[in-house]
Amino acid sequence: MATHTAPAVTALQAQAVANLFLSDHLPDRFTADQAALNPSGDAWHVPVILAYPIIGAVGQVGEILISAAAPEVISSTPFAAMQQAAEGLYATHRDAIEAAFS
């Protein structure tokens, strides 16, 4: 019988690591959402969302994998792909975004 131990990195810590990683590479509209532990328990899946003040999250643009054993990034959606997805979301929600800031 396999025993499951709690990950050394919590969901909140994984989200914080992801946010720091994002702030080093992308503009402030990109943020980490709630982390979910994968079934094997060795990594946190942290969705990356595009969000704006007042209107909140517009949609998911990528994902960052954070180790459950240490606070480090394992992999992420390429930055260019996240930016391209964000441009598409912005185009789709342009009217609501611009109305919130006018």
Protein backbone atom coordinates (compact mmCIF):
# COMPACT_ATOMS: atom_id res chain seq x y z
CA MET A 1 0.00 0.00 0.00
CA ALA A 2 1.41 3.37 -1.01
CA THR A 3 1.60 6.06 1.60
CA HIS A 4 1.00 9.66 0.70
CA THR A 5 2.89 12.35 2.53
CA ALA A 6 2.00 16.00 2.49
CA PRO A 7 4.00 18.02 -0.03
CA ALA A 8 6.79 20.19 1.41
CA VAL A 9 5.46 23.12 -0.64
CA THR A 10 1.90 24.24 0.11
CA ALA A 11 -0.60 25.40 -2.50
CA LEU A 12 -0.22 28.99 -1.30
CA GLN A 13 3.57 28.77 -1.52
CA ALA A 14 3.32 27.32 -5.04
CA GLN A 15 1.08 30.19 -6.07
CA ALA A 16 3.56 32.70 -4.57
CA VAL A 17 6.49 31.10 -6.43
CA ALA A 18 4.50 31.25 -9.65
CA ASN A 19 3.63 34.91 -9.10
CA LEU A 20 7.26 35.82 -8.48
CA PHE A 21 8.25 33.95 -11.64
CA LEU A 22 5.58 35.83 -13.60
CA SER A 23 6.59 39.22 -12.20
CA ASP A 24 10.14 38.60 -13.40
CA HIS A 25 9.04 37.90 -16.98
CA LEU A 26 5.61 39.37 -17.84
CA PRO A 27 3.55 42.54 -17.20
CA ASP A 28 1.40 42.89 -14.08
CA ARG A 29 -1.85 41.74 -15.71
CA PHE A 30 -0.56 38.16 -15.64
CA THR A 31 -1.14 36.44 -12.30
CA ALA A 32 -1.17 32.99 -10.76
CA ASP A 33 -4.50 31.44 -9.83
CA GLN A 34 -5.12 28.69 -7.26
CA ALA A 35 -2.68 25.79 -7.36
CA ALA A 36 -3.82 22.17 -7.66
CA LEU A 37 -1.63 19.20 -6.76
CA ASN A 38 -1.26 16.66 -9.56
CA PRO A 39 -2.41 13.07 -8.90
CA SER A 40 1.12 11.79 -8.30
CA GLY A 41 1.66 14.50 -5.68
CA ASP A 42 5.00 15.67 -7.05
CA ALA A 43 3.99 19.00 -8.63
CA TRP A 44 1.54 21.83 -8.33
CA HIS A 45 -0.32 22.96 -11.45
CA VAL A 46 -0.74 26.72 -11.22
CA PRO A 47 -2.97 28.33 -13.85
CA VAL A 48 -1.82 31.69 -15.21
CA ILE A 49 -4.66 34.12 -15.77
CA LEU A 50 -5.05 37.52 -17.34
CA ALA A 51 -6.72 39.86 -14.85
CA TYR A 52 -7.63 43.53 -14.63
CA PRO A 53 -8.58 45.70 -11.65
CA ILE A 54 -12.33 46.21 -11.29
CA ILE A 55 -13.31 43.43 -13.75
CA GLY A 56 -11.09 40.65 -12.37
CA ALA A 57 -10.01 37.54 -14.25
CA VAL A 58 -10.56 37.53 -18.00
CA GLY A 59 -9.31 33.98 -18.65
CA GLN A 60 -6.48 31.48 -18.46
CA VAL A 61 -3.43 32.06 -20.65
CA GLY A 62 -1.07 29.32 -19.47
CA GLU A 63 0.22 27.18 -16.64
CA ILE A 64 3.27 26.91 -14.41
CA LEU A 65 4.36 23.66 -12.77
CA ILE A 66 5.90 24.08 -9.32
CA SER A 67 7.72 21.29 -7.52
CA ALA A 68 5.88 19.94 -4.47
CA ALA A 69 9.24 19.12 -2.86
CA ALA A 70 10.94 22.53 -3.18
CA PRO A 71 9.74 26.02 -4.09
CA GLU A 72 10.96 25.96 -7.69
CA VAL A 73 9.53 26.18 -11.17
CA ILE A 74 9.63 22.89 -13.09
CA SER A 75 8.18 24.24 -16.34
CA SER A 76 5.80 26.79 -17.75
CA THR A 77 3.85 27.68 -20.84
CA PRO A 78 6.24 29.73 -23.02
CA PHE A 79 5.96 33.48 -22.37
CA ALA A 80 5.24 34.23 -26.03
CA ALA A 81 2.33 31.77 -25.98
CA MET A 82 0.93 33.38 -22.81
CA GLN A 83 1.21 36.83 -24.36
CA GLN A 84 -0.50 35.66 -27.54
CA ALA A 85 -3.34 34.08 -25.54
CA ALA A 86 -3.66 37.31 -23.53
CA GLU A 87 -3.95 39.36 -26.72
CA GLY A 88 -6.79 37.11 -27.87
CA LEU A 89 -8.59 37.43 -24.53
CA TYR A 90 -8.11 41.19 -24.56
CA ALA A 91 -9.56 41.42 -28.07
CA THR A 92 -12.55 39.33 -27.02
CA HIS A 93 -13.20 41.41 -23.87
CA ARG A 94 -11.94 44.79 -25.11
CA ASP A 95 -15.22 46.66 -24.62
CA ALA A 96 -15.62 45.57 -20.99
CA ILE A 97 -11.95 46.24 -20.19
CA GLU A 98 -11.94 49.69 -21.74
CA ALA A 99 -15.28 50.60 -20.15
CA ALA A 100 -13.87 49.74 -16.71
CA PHE A 101 -11.11 52.30 -17.16
CA SER A 102 -13.04 55.16 -18.75
